Amino acid sequence: MDKHLGISRKYYQASIMYGIKLLKMLGFDKQVLVERRAMSEEADTDPIVWTNTRLIKWVESIDLGEYAMNLRNSGVHGAAIVLEPSFGAEAMATALGIHSSKAMVRKHLADELNNLITPARESVARLMLDETSSGKQSRRKAAGSLGRSIAQIDEDRGRNKKKAFKGSLGRAFGRRGKDMNDSFGTNVGYELETTVV
């Protein structure tokens, strides 16, 4: 991305990758994305489709308006906060520019953010589980006398791509090893390595 798009900051690259992952989850159907965004514009639901602007609106709605504009041009959007397992209250507080001495404000943000993203992450996990179980059933049907079917070979290739994708996200957040912390102060290296299948 650095060479072709001129985007050198790793977090922005990861942000774009999460946007692409969301589009893939929606079958690259722009109309579905527009409809889901419209439905979640007035209600704090379906945060995975939120834009950066909608996220700023949510921050203002939870009485943190003085920090909301710090998110502008940060690369933080709904898909990034829902799909990145290490993105939590500490990362959001850092993105908002909330000083670590403001414990009550950070606690309020943590409670509100967990109420927002926990159901969304559970929904994504269920969706992934459903896709995985339906994929296993189709592989069993496709396997014949040759042992591994084409579907199994393709899945193995896909699994390797997922590992490479997750590894690149670890690098995007500054992971150099299990003991290194990312720029948000969380141990991304450990969390990303434990999520790799």
Protein backbone atom coordinates (compact mmCIF):
# COMPACT_ATOMS: atom_id res chain seq x y z
CA MET A 1 0.00 0.00 0.00
CA ASP A 2 2.89 2.28 0.70
CA LYS A 3 4.19 1.97 -2.83
CA HIS A 4 0.89 2.10 -4.74
CA LEU A 5 -1.32 4.27 -2.53
CA GLY A 6 1.26 6.33 -0.68
CA ILE A 7 -0.04 5.18 2.70
CA SER A 8 2.94 4.57 4.93
CA ARG A 9 1.39 4.51 8.41
CA LYS A 10 0.68 0.93 9.38
CA TYR A 11 -2.51 1.73 11.28
CA TYR A 12 -4.05 3.36 8.20
CA GLN A 13 -3.10 0.31 6.19
CA ALA A 14 -4.78 -1.94 8.76
CA SER A 15 -7.82 0.33 8.72
CA ILE A 16 -8.13 -0.09 4.95
CA MET A 17 -7.74 -3.86 5.29
CA TYR A 18 -10.59 -3.99 7.81
CA GLY A 19 -12.74 -1.93 5.45
CA ILE A 20 -12.03 -4.43 2.69
CA LYS A 21 -12.80 -7.33 5.04
CA LEU A 22 -16.17 -5.74 5.84
CA LEU A 23 -16.94 -5.35 2.15
CA LYS A 24 -16.03 -9.00 1.62
CA MET A 25 -18.39 -10.00 4.45
CA LEU A 26 -21.14 -8.06 2.65
CA GLY A 27 -20.37 -9.71 -0.67
CA PHE A 28 -18.95 -6.43 -2.01
CA ASP A 29 -22.53 -5.16 -2.29
CA LYS A 30 -22.36 -1.40 -1.80
CA GLN A 31 -26.15 -1.10 -1.59
CA VAL A 32 -26.27 -3.44 1.43
CA LEU A 33 -23.61 -1.33 3.14
CA VAL A 34 -25.51 1.90 2.43
CA GLU A 35 -28.78 0.40 3.73
CA ARG A 36 -27.18 -0.92 6.92
CA ARG A 37 -25.50 2.43 7.55
CA ALA A 38 -28.80 4.24 7.06
CA MET A 39 -30.55 1.93 9.54
CA SER A 40 -27.87 2.51 12.18
CA GLU A 41 -27.63 6.27 11.71
CA GLU A 42 -30.05 7.17 14.51
CA ALA A 43 -29.68 4.09 16.71
CA ASP A 44 -26.48 2.79 18.28
CA THR A 45 -26.71 -0.53 16.49
CA ASP A 46 -24.63 -2.37 13.89
CA PRO A 47 -21.36 -0.53 14.62
CA ILE A 48 -19.39 -2.65 12.16
CA VAL A 49 -20.73 -0.53 9.28
CA TRP A 50 -20.12 2.84 10.96
CA THR A 51 -17.96 5.42 9.29
CA ASN A 52 -15.47 7.57 11.15
CA THR A 53 -18.05 10.37 11.17
CA ARG A 54 -20.72 8.11 12.71
CA LEU A 55 -18.22 7.00 15.35
CA ILE A 56 -17.55 10.65 16.22
CA LYS A 57 -21.31 11.16 16.57
CA TRP A 58 -21.46 8.19 18.97
CA VAL A 59 -18.60 9.59 21.06
CA GLU A 60 -20.50 12.87 21.31
CA SER A 61 -23.66 11.00 22.33
CA ILE A 62 -21.89 9.40 25.31
CA ASP A 63 -20.93 12.83 26.65
CA LEU A 64 -17.33 12.82 25.45
CA GLY A 65 -17.81 15.55 22.86
CA GLU A 66 -14.67 17.42 23.91
CA TYR A 67 -12.60 14.46 22.68
CA ALA A 68 -14.68 13.51 19.64
CA MET A 69 -12.88 15.62 17.05
CA ASN A 70 -9.60 13.85 17.89
CA LEU A 71 -10.98 10.88 15.94
CA ARG A 72 -11.23 12.87 12.71
CA ASN A 73 -8.72 11.53 10.16
CA SER A 74 -7.58 8.87 12.64
CA GLY A 75 -8.51 5.89 10.48
CA VAL A 76 -10.76 4.53 13.25
CA HIS A 77 -14.09 3.28 11.92
CA GLY A 78 -16.64 0.65 12.84
CA ALA A 79 -15.05 -2.29 11.05
CA ALA A 80 -11.69 -1.52 12.69
CA ILE A 81 -13.09 -1.44 16.23
CA VAL A 82 -15.25 -4.54 15.79
CA LEU A 83 -12.94 -6.76 13.73
CA GLU A 84 -9.65 -5.95 15.49
CA PRO A 85 -9.69 -8.15 18.62
CA SER A 86 -7.11 -6.04 20.45
CA PHE A 87 -8.98 -2.77 19.91
CA GLY A 88 -10.56 -1.92 23.23
CA ALA A 89 -11.10 0.93 25.61
CA GLU A 90 -7.39 1.70 25.98
CA ALA A 91 -6.94 1.97 22.23
CA MET A 92 -10.04 4.14 21.89
CA ALA A 93 -8.96 6.37 24.78
CA THR A 94 -5.59 6.82 23.12
CA ALA A 95 -7.22 7.62 19.77
CA LEU A 96 -9.49 10.14 21.50
CA GLY A 97 -6.56 11.72 23.33
CA ILE A 98 -7.93 11.06 26.82
CA HIS A 99 -5.07 11.46 29.28
CA SER A 100 -4.33 8.43 31.45
CA SER A 101 -4.91 10.49 34.60
CA LYS A 102 -8.62 10.81 33.73
CA ALA A 103 -9.61 7.45 35.18
CA MET A 104 -13.33 8.20 35.49
CA VAL A 105 -13.59 9.33 31.88
CA ARG A 106 -11.70 6.24 30.72
CA LYS A 107 -13.97 3.99 32.83
CA HIS A 108 -17.05 5.62 31.30
CA LEU A 109 -15.61 5.11 27.82
CA ALA A 110 -14.75 1.47 28.59
CA ASP A 111 -18.29 0.72 29.76
CA GLU A 112 -19.93 2.40 26.76
CA LEU A 113 -17.52 0.88 24.23
CA ASN A 114 -17.97 -2.62 25.64
CA ASN A 115 -21.75 -2.22 25.47
CA LEU A 116 -21.37 -1.23 21.83
CA ILE A 117 -18.83 -3.68 20.42
CA THR A 118 -19.39 -6.85 22.47
CA PRO A 119 -22.71 -7.74 20.76
CA ALA A 120 -21.23 -6.87 17.36
CA ARG A 121 -18.18 -9.08 17.93
CA GLU A 122 -20.41 -11.94 19.09
CA SER A 123 -22.51 -11.55 15.95
CA VAL A 124 -19.41 -11.67 13.74
CA ALA A 125 -18.13 -14.74 15.63
CA ARG A 126 -21.47 -16.52 15.09
CA LEU A 127 -21.37 -15.62 11.41
CA MET A 128 -17.84 -16.98 11.06
CA LEU A 129 -18.82 -20.15 12.94
CA ASP A 130 -21.81 -20.67 10.65
CA GLU A 131 -19.62 -20.21 7.58
CA THR A 132 -17.03 -22.63 8.96
CA SER A 133 -19.57 -25.33 9.78
CA SER A 134 -21.30 -25.03 6.41
CA GLY A 135 -17.89 -25.19 4.71
CA LYS A 136 -17.03 -28.43 6.52
CA GLN A 137 -20.28 -30.02 5.37
CA SER A 138 -19.66 -29.10 1.76
CA ARG A 139 -16.09 -30.45 1.98
CA ARG A 140 -17.36 -33.78 3.26
CA LYS A 141 -19.70 -34.02 0.27
CA ALA A 142 -16.97 -32.97 -2.17
CA ALA A 143 -14.37 -35.45 -0.86
CA GLY A 144 -14.30 -38.54 -2.98
CA SER A 145 -11.95 -41.44 -3.49
CA LEU A 146 -9.03 -39.07 -4.05
CA GLY A 147 -8.82 -38.10 -0.37
CA ARG A 148 -8.47 -34.33 -0.14
CA SER A 149 -10.94 -32.56 -2.36
CA ILE A 150 -10.44 -29.36 -4.29
CA ALA A 151 -12.49 -27.59 -1.63
CA GLN A 152 -10.11 -28.78 1.11
CA ILE A 153 -7.08 -27.66 -0.85
CA ASP A 154 -8.67 -24.25 -1.43
CA GLU A 155 -9.52 -23.98 2.27
CA ASP A 156 -5.93 -24.79 3.23
CA ARG A 157 -4.76 -22.02 0.90
CA GLY A 158 -7.33 -19.68 2.44
CA ARG A 159 -6.16 -20.59 5.95
CA ASN A 160 -2.60 -19.71 5.01
CA LYS A 161 -3.80 -16.39 3.60
CA LYS A 162 -5.65 -15.70 6.86
CA LYS A 163 -2.47 -16.35 8.82
CA ALA A 164 -0.56 -13.97 6.56
CA PHE A 165 -3.34 -11.38 6.83
CA LYS A 166 -3.42 -11.58 10.64
CA GLY A 167 0.36 -11.50 10.78
CA SER A 168 0.41 -8.37 8.66
CA LEU A 169 -2.08 -6.78 11.05
CA GLY A 170 0.25 -7.58 13.92
CA ARG A 171 3.01 -5.79 12.09
CA ALA A 172 0.64 -2.93 11.33
CA PHE A 173 0.06 -2.45 15.03
CA GLY A 174 3.78 -2.63 15.74
CA ARG A 175 4.13 -6.26 16.84
CA ARG A 176 7.70 -7.44 16.93
CA GLY A 177 7.30 -10.30 19.37
CA LYS A 178 5.12 -11.60 22.15
CA ASP A 179 6.51 -9.16 24.68
CA MET A 180 6.21 -6.03 22.54
CA ASN A 181 3.29 -3.66 23.05
CA ASP A 182 1.56 -1.83 20.23
CA SER A 183 1.15 1.92 20.06
CA PHE A 184 -2.12 1.67 22.01
CA GLY A 185 -0.51 -0.05 24.99
CA THR A 186 -2.03 -3.50 24.57
CA ASN A 187 -0.20 -6.72 23.94
CA VAL A 188 -1.28 -7.23 20.33
CA GLY A 189 1.37 -9.81 19.50
CA TYR A 190 0.02 -12.31 21.99
CA GLU A 191 -3.62 -11.74 21.10
CA LEU A 192 -3.04 -12.02 17.36
CA GLU A 193 -0.96 -15.17 17.69
CA THR A 194 -3.59 -16.86 19.83
CA THR A 195 -6.35 -16.06 17.31
CA VAL A 196 -4.56 -17.66 14.37
CA VAL A 197 -6.20 -20.98 13.49
